[in-house]
Amino acid sequence: MSNDVASTDGGASAAPPTRRRRALWVAGVAGLTGVVGLAALGGVAARDDKPNSDRVSDAQSTNRQNVSDAGGSDNAGKEDGAKQDGGRNDDLSGDDWSGFDDRSGKDDKRDEKDRTEQVPCDTDKLIQAITFANSKDGGVLELAKGCTYTLTRNQDGDGLPVITQPITLKGEHTTIGRDATADYFRILNVGPGGHLTLKGLSIKGGQTLERAMTMDAATVWAPYSPSVRGTAAKPADAPGTAAKPADAPTAKPAAARAATVAKPAAKAQATSSVAAKAAVPTAKPATAGPATSPLVEKPGFTDGAGVLVQPGGRAEILDSELLYNQSGGNGGGLANFGTTRLSKTTVAHNTAFFFGGGIFNAGVLQVDESKVKDNTGIIGGGGIANGAAGIFTDSVDGGSAWVYKSEITDNRTLGFGGGVLDVGGSTTLHETTVSGNTALLAGGGVAVADSQLSLQHARVAGNSTAGVGGGVTVAFDSIATVENTTIKDNTAGFFGAGLFNEDSVTTLRDSEVVGNRAVGPFARGGGIYNTDGGEVTLHGTWVAHNFATLPPGGIFNNLGSTVTLDDESSATANRPTNCFNVPDCFA
């Protein structure tokens, strides 16, 4: 499945190039539930379709382009060289964000004051103000300081009207939340052509565990139409008292569809498979707003319990919080299928039944100076999931995710990628800490499959897994570049407590892999474990003080795989030994 995320102005897609992905990539990491077999086999012959080190430069180029697409300023090239390293851009506002509304131009500042409306601490008034702003080409809504707007009803699974125009919601210690006893629904939905800006708000308690028993749109939103803008809805006329139409949906529809996954013809053994899977119902798109490109990756009805950004939609979440939201699909706090930026924002205590406990991305995502902590993604991506594997749900190709000067901590999953998971996308972690995360099967800190990963001036520390790759797991034809990064004090129950590399190309430059521990009864490769024809290259990198139950404690290289150390790299002081099957490395 491709991920064609087109820009709302009709420009070129900002998504990374579509590449082949294993339909069920979990089947190979195996292997992760029966990964002991790798030790018993001792080695696997290299296959003809392995990636090679020549592709590493392409991965770097792609990541930098994706960072620019994610909201970087075109003027970033005029900054000093340090700011350009790895796609860094200190001007995070960028023309791509400020120029979203083509109609405004020079009139933006003048019009903003004219379009600003004070919204009292009244939920009905908030709904009414959003409805009016949608009908009047947007607006700026200043919410009451310290107020909690409690939502008790919904329309098509949304607690507030779908955002179809440029709308800003400003608050100060202000909360928009779902009443705990209300039907299940998300808080905010940004439709195609909509541009939502949140400032100083807490989005709290959205819940999308099942398809809500909703009423028709006219019944719910009629009291808040522009014609009655100046009056509040009377309690007697509240939509909650109306009878539910007989044709209201009562259950999530399901339909079978076939998906063909084929390897490229250039592969030595070209094969194809057809798998039937249930289609997830998509969120109802907004009927208003400008025309957009055809949608390819569509959100499920239960995706994004806090905020959902549909393809063609945009969101900026600034100085805000996404808290205690629970998704029955992907993206507990946020599900982004369009273009979203989070800045100085906390995403915490959210849950997703599938992928992305805190954040799910299938579009263009930028996270800067933010905290993603204490979230749970049941299958994968406890903190952030960039894409989803086809496990109990539809597969979704990841988009472009760039995380800068942020913290991804104390997140968890029963599957893959306790902190960060990427499936078929491109992820860059720049000056970011990934620590204290856990995954049962693989990638306690970070896990990627058929993806491009870049770690720049990052820290991956204190993460754990019962399976493989306590710090980082790179699998299934992925390309990973690790620069000026520390992979430290991570633990694994089987292989590769620091780094597990399978069928992929990983390059480490000026980095260190230290103090990692593979502690299970069959565990080995405390620092690095490379297998299944993978390639690991170390430039100026130190692998030291790692431990494994079975030798080696430093670097294990399976037969048919390749590990290369340059003259400035070393593997020392690992226990019980330093290396196995690694040239120029003393055991």
Protein backbone atom coordinates (compact mmCIF):
# COMPACT_ATOMS: atom_id res chain seq x y z
CA MET A 1 0.00 0.00 0.00
CA SER A 2 1.38 3.37 -0.91
CA ASN A 3 1.26 6.54 1.11
CA ASP A 4 0.42 9.33 -1.30
CA VAL A 5 0.19 12.39 0.93
CA ALA A 6 -0.35 15.29 -1.41
CA SER A 7 -0.04 18.88 -0.32
CA THR A 8 -3.25 20.84 0.01
CA ASP A 9 -2.10 23.37 -2.54
CA GLY A 10 -1.78 20.74 -5.22
CA GLY A 11 2.01 20.49 -4.99
CA ALA A 12 4.14 17.43 -5.04
CA SER A 13 3.72 14.77 -2.44
CA ALA A 14 5.70 15.28 0.74
CA ALA A 15 5.77 11.57 1.52
CA PRO A 16 8.92 9.47 1.04
CA PRO A 17 9.19 7.36 -2.14
CA THR A 18 7.03 4.26 -2.05
CA ARG A 19 9.13 1.16 -1.51
CA ARG A 20 8.51 -2.58 -1.14
CA ARG A 21 7.46 -3.72 2.30
CA ARG A 22 6.99 -7.13 3.79
CA ALA A 23 3.26 -7.54 4.33
CA LEU A 24 3.71 -9.12 7.72
CA TRP A 25 7.15 -7.95 8.76
CA VAL A 26 6.50 -9.34 12.20
CA ALA A 27 6.81 -12.85 10.78
CA GLY A 28 10.56 -12.47 10.22
CA VAL A 29 11.60 -10.89 13.47
CA ALA A 30 10.29 -14.18 14.08
CA GLY A 31 10.99 -15.06 14.60
CA LEU A 32 11.04 -12.76 17.56
CA THR A 33 8.96 -15.13 19.64
CA GLY A 34 11.13 -18.08 18.54
CA VAL A 35 14.29 -16.12 18.08
CA VAL A 36 16.34 -18.65 20.02
CA GLY A 37 16.52 -20.59 16.77
CA LEU A 38 18.90 -18.03 15.34
CA ALA A 39 21.54 -19.01 17.87
CA ALA A 40 21.07 -22.70 17.17
CA LEU A 41 21.41 -22.28 13.42
CA GLY A 42 24.69 -20.44 13.82
CA GLY A 43 24.42 -18.74 10.47
CA VAL A 44 22.22 -17.94 7.50
CA ALA A 45 23.38 -17.74 3.92
CA ALA A 46 23.23 -14.28 2.39
CA ARG A 47 20.40 -13.70 -0.05
CA ASP A 48 20.69 -11.98 -3.41
CA ASP A 49 18.26 -9.20 -2.53
CA LYS A 50 20.14 -7.60 0.37
CA PRO A 51 20.66 -3.86 0.49
CA ASN A 52 24.17 -2.56 0.12
CA SER A 53 26.13 0.28 1.59
CA ASP A 54 25.76 2.39 -1.57
CA ARG A 55 22.19 3.13 -0.53
CA VAL A 56 23.17 4.85 2.68
CA SER A 57 23.82 8.18 1.02
CA ASP A 58 20.38 8.04 -0.57
CA ALA A 59 18.79 7.53 2.83
CA GLN A 60 20.50 10.62 4.18
CA SER A 61 19.35 12.68 1.23
CA THR A 62 15.78 11.47 1.55
CA ASN A 63 15.63 12.20 5.25
CA ARG A 64 16.83 15.74 4.76
CA GLN A 65 14.27 16.37 2.07
CA ASN A 66 11.52 15.02 4.30
CA VAL A 67 12.56 17.35 7.08
CA SER A 68 12.16 20.30 4.77
CA ASP A 69 8.75 19.05 3.67
CA ALA A 70 7.71 18.74 7.29
CA GLY A 71 7.66 22.44 7.76
CA GLY A 72 11.26 23.68 7.54
CA SER A 73 11.93 27.17 6.26
CA ASP A 74 13.28 27.62 2.76
CA ASN A 75 15.68 30.12 4.26
CA ALA A 76 17.35 27.45 6.36
CA GLY A 77 20.09 27.13 3.76
CA LYS A 78 21.25 30.63 4.61
CA GLU A 79 22.07 29.58 8.18
CA ASP A 80 25.48 28.32 9.18
CA GLY A 81 26.61 24.83 8.26
CA ALA A 82 25.88 23.38 11.68
CA LYS A 83 22.19 24.14 11.30
CA GLN A 84 22.09 22.26 8.00
CA ASP A 85 23.62 19.08 9.41
CA GLY A 86 21.09 16.26 9.16
CA GLY A 87 18.30 18.57 8.03
CA ARG A 88 18.27 20.66 11.20
CA ASN A 89 16.26 23.84 10.92
CA ASP A 90 16.05 26.22 13.83
CA ASP A 91 13.35 28.31 12.15
CA LEU A 92 10.61 25.84 12.92
CA SER A 93 7.75 28.08 11.96
CA GLY A 94 8.65 28.07 8.28
CA ASP A 95 6.88 29.54 5.30
CA ASP A 96 5.18 26.22 4.67
CA TRP A 97 3.13 26.74 7.82
CA SER A 98 2.52 30.48 7.82
CA GLY A 99 1.50 30.47 4.17
CA PHE A 100 -1.19 27.80 4.53
CA ASP A 101 -4.06 30.20 3.89
CA ASP A 102 -3.43 31.45 0.36
CA ARG A 103 -6.27 33.94 0.65
CA SER A 104 -4.74 35.91 3.49
CA GLY A 105 -1.36 37.15 2.26
CA LYS A 106 -0.63 40.65 3.54
CA ASP A 107 -4.07 40.93 5.07
CA ASP A 108 -3.38 38.18 7.64
CA LYS A 109 -2.50 40.42 10.57
CA ARG A 110 -5.29 42.88 9.84
CA ASP A 111 -7.87 40.16 9.34
CA GLU A 112 -6.91 38.15 12.44
CA LYS A 113 -8.13 40.86 14.79
CA ASP A 114 -11.34 41.24 12.84
CA ARG A 115 -11.93 37.49 12.89
CA THR A 116 -11.18 37.00 16.62
CA GLU A 117 -14.08 36.01 18.85
CA GLN A 118 -14.18 35.61 22.62
CA VAL A 119 -15.79 32.31 23.60
CA PRO A 120 -17.22 32.18 27.14
CA CYS A 121 -16.83 29.11 29.33
CA ASP A 122 -19.81 27.40 27.72
CA THR A 123 -19.51 24.23 25.63
CA ASP A 124 -22.51 25.10 23.49
CA LYS A 125 -20.96 28.48 22.71
CA LEU A 126 -17.71 26.76 21.64
CA ILE A 127 -19.54 24.42 19.27
CA GLN A 128 -21.49 27.36 17.91
CA ALA A 129 -18.34 29.45 17.39
CA ILE A 130 -16.57 26.66 15.45
CA THR A 131 -19.64 26.11 13.29
CA PHE A 132 -19.79 29.80 12.49
CA ALA A 133 -16.04 30.00 11.76
CA ASN A 134 -16.34 27.10 9.34
CA SER A 135 -19.06 28.98 7.48
CA LYS A 136 -17.13 32.27 7.43
CA ASP A 137 -13.71 31.22 6.08
CA GLY A 138 -12.24 30.54 9.51
CA GLY A 139 -11.41 32.62 12.56
CA VAL A 140 -9.53 32.94 15.83
CA LEU A 141 -11.40 31.76 18.91
CA GLU A 142 -10.08 32.91 22.27
CA LEU A 143 -11.30 30.46 24.88
CA ALA A 144 -11.92 31.32 28.52
CA LYS A 145 -8.88 31.17 30.81
CA GLY A 146 -8.89 28.20 33.19
CA CYS A 147 -12.12 26.83 31.74
CA THR A 148 -12.95 23.19 31.07
CA TYR A 149 -15.24 22.74 28.07
CA THR A 150 -16.89 19.37 28.70
CA LEU A 151 -18.27 17.56 25.65
CA THR A 152 -21.24 15.26 26.18
CA ARG A 153 -22.46 14.49 22.63
CA ASN A 154 -21.02 13.83 19.20
CA GLN A 155 -21.80 13.63 15.53
CA ASP A 156 -20.24 10.80 13.52
CA GLY A 157 -17.73 10.16 16.27
CA ASP A 158 -16.53 13.78 16.66
CA GLY A 159 -17.10 15.80 19.80
CA LEU A 160 -16.67 19.11 17.97
CA PRO A 161 -17.58 20.08 14.40
CA VAL A 162 -15.03 18.95 11.79
CA ILE A 163 -12.53 21.74 11.08
CA THR A 164 -12.81 22.70 7.41
CA GLN A 165 -11.28 26.21 7.46
CA PRO A 166 -8.25 27.89 9.10
CA ILE A 167 -9.35 28.02 12.74
CA THR A 168 -7.25 28.88 15.78
CA LEU A 169 -8.25 27.86 19.28
CA LYS A 170 -6.37 29.86 21.91
CA GLY A 171 -6.51 29.18 25.61
CA GLU A 172 -4.66 29.63 28.87
CA HIS A 173 -4.83 26.66 31.23
CA THR A 174 -7.91 25.71 29.22
CA THR A 175 -9.19 22.16 28.71
CA ILE A 176 -11.44 20.62 26.10
CA GLY A 177 -12.47 17.17 27.27
CA ARG A 178 -15.01 14.44 26.86
CA ASP A 179 -17.37 13.73 29.73
CA ALA A 180 -16.41 10.38 31.24
CA THR A 181 -19.99 9.07 31.02
CA ALA A 182 -20.60 10.15 27.41
CA ASP A 183 -20.60 7.92 24.34
CA TYR A 184 -17.22 7.21 22.78
CA PHE A 185 -15.89 9.92 20.46
CA ARG A 186 -12.73 11.84 19.59
CA ILE A 187 -12.32 15.49 20.52
CA LEU A 188 -11.13 17.18 17.30
CA ASN A 189 -11.19 16.23 13.62
CA VAL A 190 -9.40 18.28 10.95
CA GLY A 191 -10.96 17.62 7.57
CA PRO A 192 -9.47 18.03 4.07
CA GLY A 193 -8.66 21.71 3.56
CA GLY A 194 -8.94 22.48 7.25
CA HIS A 195 -6.11 24.07 9.23
CA LEU A 196 -6.35 23.83 13.01
CA THR A 197 -4.04 25.73 15.35
CA LEU A 198 -4.13 24.93 19.07
CA LYS A 199 -2.38 27.21 21.58
CA GLY A 200 -2.34 26.72 25.33
CA LEU A 201 -4.96 23.95 25.44
CA SER A 202 -5.32 20.50 26.98
CA ILE A 203 -7.16 17.96 24.83
CA LYS A 204 -8.27 15.29 27.24
CA GLY A 205 -10.30 12.12 27.55
CA GLY A 206 -11.20 11.36 23.94
CA GLN A 207 -12.22 7.73 23.54
CA THR A 208 -12.94 5.75 20.36
CA LEU A 209 -13.29 2.17 21.51
CA GLU A 210 -16.27 1.38 19.30
CA ARG A 211 -18.52 3.07 16.78
CA ALA A 212 -20.64 5.53 18.72
CA MET A 213 -24.43 5.55 18.56
CA THR A 214 -24.68 8.91 16.84
CA MET A 215 -27.49 11.14 15.65
CA ASP A 216 -27.80 12.77 12.27
CA ALA A 217 -25.86 15.98 11.69
CA ALA A 218 -28.91 18.23 11.49
CA THR A 219 -30.12 17.15 14.92
CA VAL A 220 -26.74 17.65 16.59
CA TRP A 221 -25.41 20.84 15.03
CA ALA A 222 -28.60 22.72 14.08
CA PRO A 223 -28.71 24.76 17.32
CA TYR A 224 -25.27 26.15 16.50
CA SER A 225 -25.80 27.36 12.96
CA PRO A 226 -24.82 30.96 12.05
CA SER A 227 -28.46 32.03 12.14
CA VAL A 228 -28.57 31.57 15.89
CA ARG A 229 -25.02 32.67 16.63
CA GLY A 230 -26.06 35.17 19.25
CA THR A 231 -28.10 32.79 21.37
CA ALA A 232 -27.17 29.80 23.48
CA ALA A 233 -28.86 26.45 23.00
CA LYS A 234 -31.59 25.97 25.55
CA PRO A 235 -31.37 22.85 27.73
CA ALA A 236 -34.77 21.74 26.54
CA ASP A 237 -33.55 21.83 22.95
CA ALA A 238 -30.30 20.01 23.61
CA PRO A 239 -29.49 17.47 20.91
CA GLY A 240 -29.13 14.78 23.53
CA THR A 241 -32.91 14.76 24.03
CA ALA A 242 -33.69 14.01 20.42
CA ALA A 243 -34.56 10.50 19.32
CA LYS A 244 -31.97 8.55 17.42
CA PRO A 245 -32.90 8.02 13.76
CA ALA A 246 -33.78 4.51 12.84
CA ASP A 247 -31.03 4.33 10.27
CA ALA A 248 -28.22 5.42 12.61
CA PRO A 249 -25.22 3.12 12.41
CA THR A 250 -25.12 0.56 15.18
CA ALA A 251 -22.03 -1.41 14.37
CA LYS A 252 -18.77 -1.03 12.56
CA PRO A 253 -19.21 -2.25 8.97
CA ALA A 254 -16.69 -4.71 7.64
CA ALA A 255 -15.85 -5.81 4.12
CA ALA A 256 -13.24 -8.08 2.67
CA ARG A 257 -10.64 -6.76 0.30
CA ALA A 258 -7.55 -8.29 -1.26
CA ALA A 259 -4.07 -6.86 -1.17
CA THR A 260 -1.23 -8.13 -3.33
CA VAL A 261 2.29 -7.84 -2.01
CA ALA A 262 4.97 -8.54 -4.61
CA LYS A 263 8.74 -8.33 -4.52
CA PRO A 264 10.47 -6.35 -7.32
CA ALA A 265 11.36 -8.30 -10.47
CA ALA A 266 15.04 -7.64 -9.87
CA LYS A 267 15.03 -9.87 -6.82
CA ALA A 268 16.53 -13.31 -7.25
CA GLN A 269 13.34 -15.07 -6.26
CA ALA A 270 10.34 -12.97 -7.23
CA THR A 271 7.20 -14.04 -5.45
CA SER A 272 3.79 -12.64 -4.81
CA SER A 273 1.07 -13.33 -2.28
CA VAL A 274 -2.52 -12.32 -1.92
CA ALA A 275 -3.98 -11.86 1.54
CA ALA A 276 -7.56 -11.02 2.36
CA LYS A 277 -8.15 -8.69 5.26
CA ALA A 278 -11.02 -6.71 6.72
CA ALA A 279 -11.24 -3.10 5.67
CA VAL A 280 -11.30 -0.59 8.49
CA PRO A 281 -14.15 1.88 8.06
CA THR A 282 -12.79 5.31 7.27
CA ALA A 283 -13.59 8.48 9.12
CA LYS A 284 -16.33 10.44 7.39
CA PRO A 285 -14.64 13.22 5.42
CA ALA A 286 -15.88 16.77 5.74
CA THR A 287 -18.12 17.90 2.92
CA ALA A 288 -16.96 21.52 3.08
CA GLY A 289 -13.62 23.05 2.19
CA PRO A 290 -11.49 23.19 -0.94
CA ALA A 291 -11.03 20.26 -3.26
CA THR A 292 -8.10 17.98 -2.45
CA SER A 293 -6.14 15.26 -4.16
CA PRO A 294 -7.53 11.70 -4.04
CA LEU A 295 -7.00 10.09 -0.67
CA VAL A 296 -4.91 6.94 -0.51
CA GLU A 297 -4.05 6.25 3.11
CA LYS A 298 -7.29 6.89 4.93
CA PRO A 299 -7.88 6.96 8.68
CA GLY A 300 -10.03 4.35 10.35
CA PHE A 301 -13.17 5.41 12.15
CA THR A 302 -11.53 4.95 15.54
CA ASP A 303 -8.13 6.51 14.75
CA GLY A 304 -7.08 9.59 16.69
CA ALA A 305 -8.98 9.80 19.97
CA GLY A 306 -7.61 13.22 20.85
CA VAL A 307 -7.01 14.78 17.45
CA LEU A 308 -7.42 13.33 13.95
CA VAL A 309 -5.88 15.11 10.95
CA GLN A 310 -7.30 13.76 7.71
CA PRO A 311 -5.40 13.72 4.40
CA GLY A 312 -5.36 17.26 3.06
CA GLY A 313 -5.74 18.70 6.55
CA ARG A 314 -3.19 20.57 8.65
CA ALA A 315 -2.65 21.10 12.34
CA GLU A 316 -0.27 23.05 14.54
CA ILE A 317 -0.36 22.11 18.20
CA LEU A 318 1.64 24.64 20.22
CA ASP A 319 2.26 24.85 23.97
CA SER A 320 -0.52 22.34 24.53
CA GLU A 321 -1.22 18.88 25.96
CA LEU A 322 -2.81 15.70 24.63
CA LEU A 323 -3.69 13.69 27.72
CA TYR A 324 -5.55 10.49 28.67
CA ASN A 325 -7.04 9.80 25.25
CA GLN A 326 -7.76 6.21 24.21
CA SER A 327 -8.09 5.04 20.62
CA GLY A 328 -9.72 1.81 19.53
CA GLY A 329 -7.51 2.00 16.43
CA ASN A 330 -4.28 3.94 15.85
CA GLY A 331 -3.12 7.13 17.51
CA GLY A 332 -4.29 7.58 21.07
CA GLY A 333 -3.41 11.25 21.36
CA LEU A 334 -2.99 12.16 17.69
CA ALA A 335 -3.49 10.40 14.36
CA ASN A 336 -1.97 12.40 11.49
CA PHE A 337 -2.73 11.57 7.86
CA GLY A 338 -2.09 15.12 6.67
CA THR A 339 0.54 17.61 7.86
CA THR A 340 1.02 18.24 11.57
CA ARG A 341 3.50 20.08 13.75
CA LEU A 342 3.76 19.75 17.53
CA SER A 343 5.91 22.29 19.34
CA LYS A 344 6.53 22.57 23.08
CA THR A 345 3.69 20.13 23.59
CA THR A 346 3.24 17.16 25.93
CA VAL A 347 1.65 13.92 24.71
CA ALA A 348 1.14 11.71 27.75
CA HIS A 349 -0.93 8.87 29.23
CA ASN A 350 -2.62 8.01 25.92
CA THR A 351 -3.44 4.52 24.64
CA ALA A 352 -3.99 2.95 21.21
CA PHE A 353 -5.32 -0.56 20.76
CA PHE A 354 -3.19 -0.96 17.63
CA PHE A 355 -0.31 1.41 16.82
CA GLY A 356 0.89 4.76 18.13
CA GLY A 357 -0.12 5.09 21.75
CA GLY A 358 0.86 8.74 21.77
CA ILE A 359 1.11 9.65 18.09
CA PHE A 360 0.34 7.82 14.85
CA ASN A 361 1.64 9.22 11.56
CA ALA A 362 0.92 8.41 7.92
CA GLY A 363 1.58 11.92 6.59
CA VAL A 364 4.13 14.62 7.36
CA LEU A 365 4.89 15.02 11.05
CA GLN A 366 7.20 17.43 12.86
CA VAL A 367 7.74 17.28 16.62
CA ASP A 368 10.04 19.82 18.26
CA GLU A 369 10.87 20.61 21.87
CA SER A 370 8.10 18.29 23.04
CA LYS A 371 7.60 15.36 25.38
CA VAL A 372 6.02 12.05 24.41
CA LYS A 373 5.81 10.03 27.60
CA ASP A 374 3.96 7.26 29.40
CA ASN A 375 1.84 6.21 26.40
CA THR A 376 0.86 2.66 25.39
CA GLY A 377 0.49 1.23 21.89
CA ILE A 378 -0.68 -2.35 22.28
CA ILE A 379 0.78 -3.79 19.05
CA GLY A 380 3.52 -1.28 18.27
CA GLY A 381 4.86 2.21 18.68
CA GLY A 382 4.17 2.93 22.32
CA GLY A 383 5.20 6.56 21.93
CA ILE A 384 5.18 7.23 18.18
CA ALA A 385 4.22 4.92 15.30
CA ASN A 386 5.09 6.06 11.79
CA GLY A 387 2.98 3.56 9.87
CA ALA A 388 1.33 0.27 10.86
CA ALA A 389 1.92 -3.37 9.99
CA GLY A 390 -1.01 -5.54 8.94
CA ILE A 391 -1.49 -7.21 12.32
CA PHE A 392 -5.14 -7.32 13.43
CA THR A 393 -5.66 -4.19 11.30
CA ASP A 394 -4.94 -2.79 7.84
CA SER A 395 -1.33 -2.05 6.99
CA VAL A 396 -0.52 1.64 6.57
CA ASP A 397 2.72 2.97 5.09
CA GLY A 398 4.49 5.42 7.32
CA GLY A 399 5.06 8.96 6.16
CA SER A 400 7.82 11.39 7.06
CA ALA A 401 8.47 11.98 10.76
CA TRP A 402 11.05 14.41 12.14
CA VAL A 403 11.59 14.73 15.88
CA TYR A 404 13.89 17.48 17.15
CA LYS A 405 15.08 18.33 20.68
CA SER A 406 12.38 16.18 22.23
CA GLU A 407 12.00 13.43 24.82
CA ILE A 408 10.37 10.07 24.14
CA THR A 409 10.28 8.35 27.51
CA ASP A 410 8.56 5.62 29.52
CA ASN A 411 6.30 4.42 26.71
CA ARG A 412 5.43 0.75 26.23
CA THR A 413 4.09 -1.86 23.82
CA LEU A 414 3.47 -5.60 23.74
CA GLY A 415 4.90 -5.69 20.23
CA PHE A 416 7.51 -3.58 18.48
CA GLY A 417 9.06 -0.19 19.13
CA GLY A 418 8.42 0.80 22.72
CA GLY A 419 9.44 4.39 22.03
CA VAL A 420 9.31 4.72 18.24
CA LEU A 421 8.15 2.39 15.45
CA ASP A 422 8.51 3.00 11.71
CA VAL A 423 6.89 0.72 9.11
CA GLY A 424 7.58 1.69 5.50
CA GLY A 425 8.33 5.35 6.23
CA SER A 426 11.16 7.71 7.07
CA THR A 427 12.00 8.81 10.61
CA THR A 428 14.66 11.24 11.86
CA LEU A 429 15.43 11.69 15.55
CA HIS A 430 17.66 14.76 15.97
CA GLU A 431 19.02 15.83 19.37
CA THR A 432 16.32 13.66 20.88
CA THR A 433 16.37 11.32 23.87
CA VAL A 434 14.65 7.91 23.71
CA SER A 435 14.80 6.39 27.19
CA GLY A 436 12.98 4.14 29.61
CA ASN A 437 10.73 2.59 26.94
CA THR A 438 9.80 -1.10 26.79
CA ALA A 439 8.70 -3.53 24.07
CA LEU A 440 7.92 -7.19 24.59
CA LEU A 441 9.10 -8.48 21.20
CA ALA A 442 11.61 -6.08 19.61
CA GLY A 443 13.01 -2.58 19.71
CA GLY A 444 12.63 -1.41 23.26
CA GLY A 445 13.65 2.08 22.18
CA VAL A 446 13.29 2.18 18.38
CA ALA A 447 12.16 -0.39 15.81
CA VAL A 448 12.04 0.07 12.03
CA ALA A 449 10.97 -2.27 9.21
CA ASP A 450 11.45 -1.54 5.49
CA SER A 451 12.14 2.03 6.52
CA GLN A 452 14.73 4.78 6.62
CA LEU A 453 16.00 5.78 10.06
CA SER A 454 18.36 8.59 10.98
CA LEU A 455 19.64 9.13 14.52
CA GLN A 456 21.59 12.39 14.80
CA HIS A 457 23.11 13.64 18.05
CA ALA A 458 20.57 11.39 19.78
CA ARG A 459 20.57 9.33 22.96
CA VAL A 460 18.95 5.87 23.15
CA ALA A 461 19.35 4.74 26.74
CA GLY A 462 17.76 2.55 29.39
CA ASN A 463 15.24 0.87 27.10
CA SER A 464 14.36 -2.82 27.32
CA THR A 465 12.80 -5.77 25.52
CA ALA A 466 12.22 -9.43 26.27
CA GLY A 467 13.11 -10.13 22.64
CA VAL A 468 15.75 -8.50 20.43
CA GLY A 469 17.11 -5.00 20.06
CA GLY A 470 16.83 -3.44 23.48
CA GLY A 471 17.92 -0.07 22.13
CA VAL A 472 17.39 -0.21 18.37
CA THR A 473 15.99 -2.86 16.00
CA VAL A 474 16.59 -2.38 12.25
CA ALA A 475 14.84 -5.04 10.16
CA PHE A 476 13.56 -6.02 6.73
CA ASP A 477 15.47 -4.12 4.11
CA SER A 478 15.79 -0.93 6.14
CA ILE A 479 18.54 1.68 6.00
CA ALA A 480 19.71 3.24 9.25
CA THR A 481 22.30 5.95 9.83
CA VAL A 482 23.47 6.63 13.37
CA GLU A 483 25.63 9.74 13.82
CA ASN A 484 27.09 11.26 17.00
CA THR A 485 24.68 9.13 18.99
CA THR A 486 24.89 7.17 22.23
CA ILE A 487 23.22 3.74 22.53
CA LYS A 488 23.67 2.97 26.20
CA ASP A 489 22.45 0.79 29.09
CA ASN A 490 19.70 -0.97 27.13
CA THR A 491 18.70 -4.58 27.85
CA ALA A 492 17.41 -7.50 25.77
CA GLY A 493 16.28 -11.00 26.64
CA PHE A 494 17.83 -12.49 23.52
CA PHE A 495 20.04 -10.70 20.97
CA GLY A 496 21.43 -7.24 20.33
CA ALA A 497 20.81 -5.37 23.55
CA GLY A 498 22.21 -2.23 21.96
CA LEU A 499 21.51 -2.79 18.25
CA PHE A 500 19.82 -5.66 16.41
CA ASN A 501 20.30 -5.49 12.61
CA GLU A 502 18.54 -7.99 10.34
CA ASP A 503 18.46 -7.94 6.53
CA SER A 504 19.33 -4.23 6.58
CA VAL A 505 22.15 -1.70 6.18
CA THR A 506 23.17 0.21 9.31
CA THR A 507 26.01 2.72 9.50
CA LEU A 508 27.35 4.16 12.75
CA ARG A 509 29.53 7.27 12.70
CA ASP A 510 31.25 8.90 15.66
CA SER A 511 28.93 7.07 18.04
CA GLU A 512 29.16 4.74 21.01
CA VAL A 513 27.44 1.50 21.95
CA VAL A 514 28.22 1.00 25.63
CA GLY A 515 26.91 -0.71 28.73
CA ASN A 516 24.17 -2.73 27.03
CA ARG A 517 23.21 -6.15 28.40
CA ALA A 518 21.77 -9.25 26.70
CA VAL A 519 20.69 -11.19 29.76
CA GLY A 520 18.55 -14.20 28.70
CA PRO A 521 19.85 -17.79 28.98
CA PHE A 522 20.61 -17.90 25.22
CA ALA A 523 21.48 -14.23 24.85
CA ARG A 524 24.49 -12.98 22.90
CA GLY A 525 25.64 -9.83 21.16
CA GLY A 526 25.20 -7.44 24.04
CA GLY A 527 26.39 -4.51 21.95
CA ILE A 528 25.48 -5.39 18.34
CA TYR A 529 23.84 -8.45 16.77
CA ASN A 530 23.90 -8.64 12.94
CA THR A 531 22.13 -11.39 11.01
CA ASP A 532 20.36 -12.53 7.84
CA GLY A 533 22.73 -10.89 5.39
CA GLY A 534 22.71 -7.53 7.13
CA GLU A 535 25.50 -4.98 6.79
CA VAL A 536 26.84 -2.97 9.73
CA THR A 537 29.63 -0.44 9.21
CA LEU A 538 31.37 1.42 12.03
CA HIS A 539 33.24 4.68 11.49
CA GLY A 540 34.91 6.15 14.54
CA THR A 541 32.57 4.20 16.79
CA TRP A 542 33.29 2.63 20.18
CA VAL A 543 31.65 -0.64 21.29
CA ALA A 544 32.58 -1.21 24.91
CA HIS A 545 31.51 -2.54 28.31
CA ASN A 546 28.62 -4.52 26.87
CA PHE A 547 27.61 -7.89 28.33
CA ALA A 548 25.96 -11.09 27.10
CA THR A 549 25.24 -14.43 28.69
CA LEU A 550 26.93 -16.27 25.80
CA PRO A 551 29.91 -14.93 23.87
CA PRO A 552 30.39 -12.46 22.45
CA GLY A 553 29.34 -9.58 24.63
CA GLY A 554 30.38 -6.97 22.07
CA ILE A 555 29.55 -7.72 18.40
CA PHE A 556 28.00 -10.92 17.01
CA ASN A 557 28.02 -11.27 13.22
CA ASN A 558 26.11 -14.23 11.81
CA LEU A 559 27.47 -16.19 8.87
CA GLY A 560 26.61 -14.56 5.56
CA SER A 561 26.40 -11.12 7.16
CA THR A 562 28.96 -8.30 7.22
CA VAL A 563 30.40 -6.12 9.96
CA THR A 564 33.14 -3.63 9.08
CA LEU A 565 35.21 -1.56 11.50
CA ASP A 566 37.42 1.27 10.29
CA ASP A 567 40.78 2.12 11.91
CA GLU A 568 39.16 4.59 14.29
CA SER A 569 36.58 2.13 15.63
CA SER A 570 37.09 -0.41 18.39
CA ALA A 571 35.35 -3.15 20.38
CA THR A 572 36.91 -3.39 23.82
CA ALA A 573 36.18 -4.42 27.39
CA ASN A 574 33.09 -6.42 26.46
CA ARG A 575 32.21 -9.60 28.36
CA PRO A 576 32.66 -12.49 27.96
CA THR A 577 34.41 -11.66 24.64
CA ASN A 578 34.47 -8.77 22.19
CA CYS A 579 33.51 -10.22 18.78
CA PHE A 580 32.44 -13.21 16.74
CA ASN A 581 33.06 -13.41 12.97
CA VAL A 582 34.17 -9.75 12.78
CA PRO A 583 37.39 -9.03 10.85
CA ASP A 584 40.02 -6.89 12.59
CA CYS A 585 38.31 -7.34 15.96
CA PHE A 586 40.14 -9.13 18.75
CA ALA A 587 37.93 -11.68 20.44
